[in-house]
């Protein structure tokens, strides 16, 4: 027995409608799935790593001191040629004006002479330096096992660094001072310069 054709058409229409709705629903779900697959972008986060755009070298400049510089100590000042001084803790004194009197108050200061003139040679280890009869100082050479200098003579220029030392007993005889004027001056000054041979430069 053949079924009527009109009864089948309404069923086919319903099936087609259901398929259309199902396809539409699947398409929407795929779109949502595509969106959730993207990584979220965070902007302005304080934890975001900084972008390195290059290497920057920072040079730190040292500060230049603009205040007054301290004056150099007396011992650091270079002596003028011909100068003869004695250095103590309190001052540096030009010896020439005081060579006519007692020098014991300056002992045991450091004596320094730069290109001072040798006035006379007393012996192998002693000689006078200065500007004249009333402005001179006796220098005794401490040999330290070495031989006395052979090129020491009157008129030579010497550089000395030593210690102003008070006279010992019978100093004039020990140093070979025989002239009466020399003895009187050495006794009046009461001191002489003790200079190591290594601190004596001749010429």
C-alpha atoms as a PDB file:
ATOM      1  CA  UNK A   1       0.000   0.000   0.000  1.00  0.00           C
ATOM      2  CA  UNK A   2       1.558   3.354  -1.037  1.00  0.00           C
ATOM      3  CA  UNK A   3       1.776   6.139   1.607  1.00  0.00           C
ATOM      4  CA  UNK A   4       0.577   9.617   0.580  1.00  0.00           C
ATOM      5  CA  UNK A   5       3.372  12.066  -0.358  1.00  0.00           C
ATOM      6  CA  UNK A   6       1.836  14.985   1.593  1.00  0.00           C
ATOM      7  CA  UNK A   7       2.454  13.235   4.939  1.00  0.00           C
ATOM      8  CA  UNK A   8       6.267  13.066   4.360  1.00  0.00           C
ATOM      9  CA  UNK A   9       6.922  16.807   3.452  1.00  0.00           C
ATOM     10  CA  UNK A  10       6.217  18.252   6.891  1.00  0.00           C
ATOM     11  CA  UNK A  11       8.712  15.787   8.478  1.00  0.00           C
ATOM     12  CA  UNK A  12      11.474  16.682   5.985  1.00  0.00           C
ATOM     13  CA  UNK A  13      10.998  20.377   6.783  1.00  0.00           C
ATOM     14  CA  UNK A  14      11.392  19.770  10.497  1.00  0.00           C
ATOM     15  CA  UNK A  15      14.562  17.731  10.000  1.00  0.00           C
ATOM     16  CA  UNK A  16      16.108  20.433   7.831  1.00  0.00           C
ATOM     17  CA  UNK A  17      15.301  23.077  10.448  1.00  0.00           C
ATOM     18  CA  UNK A  18      16.881  21.013  13.214  1.00  0.00           C
ATOM     19  CA  UNK A  19      20.075  20.498  11.208  1.00  0.00           C
ATOM     20  CA  UNK A  20      20.309  24.224  10.494  1.00  0.00           C
ATOM     21  CA  UNK A  21      20.000  25.103  14.202  1.00  0.00           C
ATOM     22  CA  UNK A  22      22.608  22.509  15.134  1.00  0.00           C
ATOM     23  CA  UNK A  23      25.111  23.810  12.606  1.00  0.00           C
ATOM     24  CA  UNK A  24      24.551  27.375  13.772  1.00  0.00           C
ATOM     25  CA  UNK A  25      25.148  26.308  17.353  1.00  0.00           C
ATOM     26  CA  UNK A  26      28.395  24.533  16.499  1.00  0.00           C
ATOM     27  CA  UNK A  27      29.644  27.583  14.604  1.00  0.00           C
ATOM     28  CA  UNK A  28      29.106  29.852  17.599  1.00  0.00           C
ATOM     29  CA  UNK A  29      30.929  27.430  19.899  1.00  0.00           C
ATOM     30  CA  UNK A  30      33.946  27.335  17.567  1.00  0.00           C
ATOM     31  CA  UNK A  31      34.161  31.102  17.631  1.00  0.00           C
ATOM     32  CA  UNK A  32      34.227  31.164  21.422  1.00  0.00           C
ATOM     33  CA  UNK A  33      36.877  28.466  21.515  1.00  0.00           C
ATOM     34  CA  UNK A  34      39.033  30.521  19.135  1.00  0.00           C
ATOM     35  CA  UNK A  35      38.851  33.545  21.408  1.00  0.00           C
ATOM     36  CA  UNK A  36      39.807  31.628  24.535  1.00  0.00           C
ATOM     37  CA  UNK A  37      42.906  30.236  22.824  1.00  0.00           C
ATOM     38  CA  UNK A  38      44.500  33.712  22.688  1.00  0.00           C
ATOM     39  CA  UNK A  39      46.839  34.747  25.524  1.00  0.00           C
ATOM     40  CA  UNK A  40      45.589  37.796  27.404  1.00  0.00           C
ATOM     41  CA  UNK A  41      47.693  40.913  26.998  1.00  0.00           C
ATOM     42  CA  UNK A  42      48.546  42.827  30.152  1.00  0.00           C
ATOM     43  CA  UNK A  43      49.501  46.463  29.832  1.00  0.00           C
ATOM     44  CA  UNK A  44      50.851  48.756  32.512  1.00  0.00           C
ATOM     45  CA  UNK A  45      51.707  45.944  34.922  1.00  0.00           C
ATOM     46  CA  UNK A  46      54.351  46.831  37.485  1.00  0.00           C
ATOM     47  CA  UNK A  47      55.716  43.303  37.227  1.00  0.00           C
ATOM     48  CA  UNK A  48      56.351  43.497  33.504  1.00  0.00           C
ATOM     49  CA  UNK A  49      60.042  43.077  32.627  1.00  0.00           C
ATOM     50  CA  UNK A  50      61.614  46.241  31.205  1.00  0.00           C
ATOM     51  CA  UNK A  51      62.521  46.255  27.561  1.00  0.00           C
ATOM     52  CA  UNK A  52      66.314  46.458  27.044  1.00  0.00           C
ATOM     53  CA  UNK A  53      66.979  48.995  24.331  1.00  0.00           C
ATOM     54  CA  UNK A  54      70.744  49.196  24.659  1.00  0.00           C
ATOM     55  CA  UNK A  55      73.677  49.376  27.047  1.00  0.00           C
ATOM     56  CA  UNK A  56      74.151  52.652  28.864  1.00  0.00           C
ATOM     57  CA  UNK A  57      77.527  53.443  30.475  1.00  0.00           C
ATOM     58  CA  UNK A  58      77.364  55.834  33.391  1.00  0.00           C
ATOM     59  CA  UNK A  59      80.510  57.825  34.175  1.00  0.00           C
ATOM     60  CA  UNK A  60      80.829  59.165  37.694  1.00  0.00           C
ATOM     61  CA  UNK A  61      82.804  62.378  37.863  1.00  0.00           C
ATOM     62  CA  UNK A  62      84.892  62.967  40.969  1.00  0.00           C
ATOM     63  CA  UNK A  63      84.140  66.132  42.837  1.00  0.00           C
ATOM     64  CA  UNK A  64      86.742  68.868  42.510  1.00  0.00           C
ATOM     65  CA  UNK A  65      87.744  70.460  45.760  1.00  0.00           C
ATOM     66  CA  UNK A  66      87.090  74.178  45.510  1.00  0.00           C
ATOM     67  CA  UNK A  67      88.181  75.170  48.995  1.00  0.00           C
ATOM     68  CA  UNK A  68      91.662  76.449  49.918  1.00  0.00           C
ATOM     69  CA  UNK A  69      94.447  73.889  49.735  1.00  0.00           C
ATOM     70  CA  UNK A  70      96.583  73.401  52.851  1.00  0.00           C
ATOM     71  CA  UNK A  71     100.018  74.993  52.701  1.00  0.00           C
ATOM     72  CA  UNK A  72     102.870  72.505  52.292  1.00  0.00           C
ATOM     73  CA  UNK A  73     104.886  71.746  55.386  1.00  0.00           C
ATOM     74  CA  UNK A  74     108.253  73.416  55.775  1.00  0.00           C
ATOM     75  CA  UNK A  75     110.094  70.137  55.191  1.00  0.00           C
ATOM     76  CA  UNK A  76     108.451  69.743  51.765  1.00  0.00           C
ATOM     77  CA  UNK A  77     109.619  73.140  50.447  1.00  0.00           C
ATOM     78  CA  UNK A  78     112.647  73.088  48.186  1.00  0.00           C
ATOM     79  CA  UNK A  79     115.523  75.236  49.413  1.00  0.00           C
ATOM     80  CA  UNK A  80     117.016  77.995  47.311  1.00  0.00           C
ATOM     81  CA  UNK A  81     120.620  77.627  46.274  1.00  0.00           C
ATOM     82  CA  UNK A  82     122.947  78.730  49.042  1.00  0.00           C
ATOM     83  CA  UNK A  83     120.292  78.370  51.751  1.00  0.00           C
ATOM     84  CA  UNK A  84     121.201  76.890  55.134  1.00  0.00           C
ATOM     85  CA  UNK A  85     118.366  76.107  57.546  1.00  0.00           C
ATOM     86  CA  UNK A  86     117.528  74.115  60.649  1.00  0.00           C
ATOM     87  CA  UNK A  87     114.134  72.457  60.971  1.00  0.00           C
ATOM     88  CA  UNK A  88     112.492  71.878  64.347  1.00  0.00           C
ATOM     89  CA  UNK A  89     108.966  70.803  65.269  1.00  0.00           C
ATOM     90  CA  UNK A  90     107.889  74.407  65.654  1.00  0.00           C
ATOM     91  CA  UNK A  91     109.586  76.161  62.737  1.00  0.00           C
ATOM     92  CA  UNK A  92     112.176  76.257  59.978  1.00  0.00           C
ATOM     93  CA  UNK A  93     114.898  78.781  60.765  1.00  0.00           C
ATOM     94  CA  UNK A  94     117.394  80.449  58.487  1.00  0.00           C
ATOM     95  CA  UNK A  95     120.709  79.745  60.170  1.00  0.00           C
ATOM     96  CA  UNK A  96     122.797  82.590  58.762  1.00  0.00           C
ATOM     97  CA  UNK A  97     121.455  85.338  61.061  1.00  0.00           C
ATOM     98  CA  UNK A  98     121.987  83.201  64.196  1.00  0.00           C
ATOM     99  CA  UNK A  99     125.386  81.667  63.448  1.00  0.00           C
ATOM    100  CA  UNK A 100     127.113  84.351  65.507  1.00  0.00           C
ATOM    101  CA  UNK A 101     125.505  83.116  68.746  1.00  0.00           C
ATOM    102  CA  UNK A 102     124.470  79.924  70.536  1.00  0.00           C
ATOM    103  CA  UNK A 103     122.774  77.211  68.467  1.00  0.00           C
ATOM    104  CA  UNK A 104     121.988  74.823  71.301  1.00  0.00           C
ATOM    105  CA  UNK A 105     118.301  75.798  71.414  1.00  0.00           C
ATOM    106  CA  UNK A 106     117.879  74.440  67.878  1.00  0.00           C
ATOM    107  CA  UNK A 107     119.459  71.068  68.657  1.00  0.00           C
ATOM    108  CA  UNK A 108     118.627  68.343  67.730  1.00  0.00           C
ATOM    109  CA  UNK A 109     116.940  69.916  64.723  1.00  0.00           C
ATOM    110  CA  UNK A 110     117.513  68.828  61.143  1.00  0.00           C
ATOM    111  CA  UNK A 111     120.115  70.871  59.294  1.00  0.00           C
ATOM    112  CA  UNK A 112     119.851  71.224  55.533  1.00  0.00           C
ATOM    113  CA  UNK A 113     121.993  73.187  53.136  1.00  0.00           C
ATOM    114  CA  UNK A 114     121.525  73.455  49.388  1.00  0.00           C
ATOM    115  CA  UNK A 115     124.615  74.338  47.350  1.00  0.00           C
ATOM    116  CA  UNK A 116     126.303  75.978  50.324  1.00  0.00           C
ATOM    117  CA  UNK A 117     129.953  76.943  49.974  1.00  0.00           C
ATOM    118  CA  UNK A 118     132.790  75.142  51.697  1.00  0.00           C
ATOM    119  CA  UNK A 119     134.860  77.861  53.392  1.00  0.00           C
ATOM    120  CA  UNK A 120     137.661  75.668  54.707  1.00  0.00           C
ATOM    121  CA  UNK A 121     138.518  72.039  55.365  1.00  0.00           C
ATOM    122  CA  UNK A 122     139.544  71.291  58.940  1.00  0.00           C
ATOM    123  CA  UNK A 123     140.378  67.623  58.464  1.00  0.00           C
ATOM    124  CA  UNK A 124     139.330  64.481  56.610  1.00  0.00           C
ATOM    125  CA  UNK A 125     135.988  64.464  58.421  1.00  0.00           C
ATOM    126  CA  UNK A 126     135.298  68.124  59.216  1.00  0.00           C
ATOM    127  CA  UNK A 127     134.819  71.359  57.273  1.00  0.00           C
ATOM    128  CA  UNK A 128     133.209  74.784  57.573  1.00  0.00           C
ATOM    129  CA  UNK A 129     130.308  75.933  55.372  1.00  0.00           C
ATOM    130  CA  UNK A 130     128.649  79.339  55.112  1.00  0.00           C
ATOM    131  CA  UNK A 131     129.122  82.865  53.817  1.00  0.00           C
ATOM    132  CA  UNK A 132     132.062  84.174  55.816  1.00  0.00           C
ATOM    133  CA  UNK A 133     133.988  84.207  59.117  1.00  0.00           C
ATOM    134  CA  UNK A 134     130.956  85.203  61.198  1.00  0.00           C
ATOM    135  CA  UNK A 135     128.361  83.178  59.273  1.00  0.00           C
ATOM    136  CA  UNK A 136     129.623  79.628  59.173  1.00  0.00           C
ATOM    137  CA  UNK A 137     128.833  76.214  60.606  1.00  0.00           C
ATOM    138  CA  UNK A 138     131.109  73.259  61.271  1.00  0.00           C
ATOM    139  CA  UNK A 139     130.109  70.020  59.544  1.00  0.00           C
ATOM    140  CA  UNK A 140     131.329  66.640  60.790  1.00  0.00           C
ATOM    141  CA  UNK A 141     131.088  63.664  58.422  1.00  0.00           C
ATOM    142  CA  UNK A 142     129.963  60.340  59.874  1.00  0.00           C
ATOM    143  CA  UNK A 143     131.752  57.861  57.641  1.00  0.00           C
ATOM    144  CA  UNK A 144     129.946  54.648  58.630  1.00  0.00           C
ATOM    145  CA  UNK A 145     132.969  52.538  57.699  1.00  0.00           C
ATOM    146  CA  UNK A 146     133.590  54.291  54.387  1.00  0.00           C
ATOM    147  CA  UNK A 147     136.587  56.348  53.340  1.00  0.00           C
ATOM    148  CA  UNK A 148     136.543  60.157  53.658  1.00  0.00           C
ATOM    149  CA  UNK A 149     135.796  62.100  50.442  1.00  0.00           C
ATOM    150  CA  UNK A 150     138.923  63.125  48.537  1.00  0.00           C
ATOM    151  CA  UNK A 151     137.336  65.860  46.400  1.00  0.00           C
ATOM    152  CA  UNK A 152     136.294  68.101  49.305  1.00  0.00           C
ATOM    153  CA  UNK A 153     137.958  71.533  49.096  1.00  0.00           C
ATOM    154  CA  UNK A 154     137.381  75.208  49.834  1.00  0.00           C
ATOM    155  CA  UNK A 155     135.159  76.887  47.242  1.00  0.00           C
ATOM    156  CA  UNK A 156     133.203  73.705  46.478  1.00  0.00           C
ATOM    157  CA  UNK A 157     129.411  73.689  46.698  1.00  0.00           C
ATOM    158  CA  UNK A 158     127.850  70.968  48.836  1.00  0.00           C
ATOM    159  CA  UNK A 159     124.388  69.735  49.686  1.00  0.00           C
ATOM    160  CA  UNK A 160     124.019  68.474  53.251  1.00  0.00           C
ATOM    161  CA  UNK A 161     121.276  66.939  55.363  1.00  0.00           C
ATOM    162  CA  UNK A 162     122.100  66.135  58.969  1.00  0.00           C
ATOM    163  CA  UNK A 163     121.397  66.792  62.615  1.00  0.00           C
ATOM    164  CA  UNK A 164     122.377  69.787  64.664  1.00  0.00           C
ATOM    165  CA  UNK A 165     124.256  68.198  67.550  1.00  0.00           C
ATOM    166  CA  UNK A 166     125.485  69.786  70.776  1.00  0.00           C
ATOM    167  CA  UNK A 167     129.258  69.879  71.240  1.00  0.00           C
ATOM    168  CA  UNK A 168     130.831  66.980  73.042  1.00  0.00           C
ATOM    169  CA  UNK A 169     133.698  67.440  75.464  1.00  0.00           C
ATOM    170  CA  UNK A 170     136.949  68.351  73.697  1.00  0.00           C
ATOM    171  CA  UNK A 171     135.058  68.701  70.415  1.00  0.00           C
ATOM    172  CA  UNK A 172     137.677  71.058  68.962  1.00  0.00           C
ATOM    173  CA  UNK A 173     140.448  68.508  69.458  1.00  0.00           C
ATOM    174  CA  UNK A 174     138.345  65.623  68.164  1.00  0.00           C
ATOM    175  CA  UNK A 175     137.421  67.430  64.938  1.00  0.00           C
ATOM    176  CA  UNK A 176     140.932  68.815  64.418  1.00  0.00           C
ATOM    177  CA  UNK A 177     139.998  72.459  64.953  1.00  0.00           C
ATOM    178  CA  UNK A 178     143.255  74.268  65.730  1.00  0.00           C
ATOM    179  CA  UNK A 179     142.758  77.910  64.776  1.00  0.00           C
ATOM    180  CA  UNK A 180     141.922  80.063  67.788  1.00  0.00           C
ATOM    181  CA  UNK A 181     139.112  81.918  65.983  1.00  0.00           C
ATOM    182  CA  UNK A 182     137.609  78.606  64.872  1.00  0.00           C
ATOM    183  CA  UNK A 183     137.755  77.235  68.414  1.00  0.00           C
ATOM    184  CA  UNK A 184     136.144  80.347  69.868  1.00  0.00           C
ATOM    185  CA  UNK A 185     133.284  80.247  67.359  1.00  0.00           C
ATOM    186  CA  UNK A 186     132.630  76.543  67.848  1.00  0.00           C
ATOM    187  CA  UNK A 187     132.553  76.986  71.622  1.00  0.00           C
ATOM    188  CA  UNK A 188     130.215  79.976  71.302  1.00  0.00           C
ATOM    189  CA  UNK A 189     127.810  78.175  68.987  1.00  0.00           C
ATOM    190  CA  UNK A 190     127.874  75.056  71.151  1.00  0.00           C
ATOM    191  CA  UNK A 191     126.734  72.855  68.257  1.00  0.00           C
ATOM    192  CA  UNK A 192     127.743  71.490  64.864  1.00  0.00           C
ATOM    193  CA  UNK A 193     126.108  69.596  61.980  1.00  0.00           C
ATOM    194  CA  UNK A 194     126.504  65.801  62.074  1.00  0.00           C
ATOM    195  CA  UNK A 195     126.091  64.580  58.478  1.00  0.00           C
ATOM    196  CA  UNK A 196     126.219  60.988  57.247  1.00  0.00           C
ATOM    197  CA  UNK A 197     128.495  60.477  54.264  1.00  0.00           C
ATOM    198  CA  UNK A 198     125.482  59.242  52.325  1.00  0.00           C
ATOM    199  CA  UNK A 199     123.773  62.626  52.870  1.00  0.00           C
ATOM    200  CA  UNK A 200     126.726  64.654  51.618  1.00  0.00           C
ATOM    201  CA  UNK A 201     126.807  65.656  47.964  1.00  0.00           C
ATOM    202  CA  UNK A 202     129.810  67.538  46.614  1.00  0.00           C
ATOM    203  CA  UNK A 203     129.681  69.672  43.499  1.00  0.00           C
END
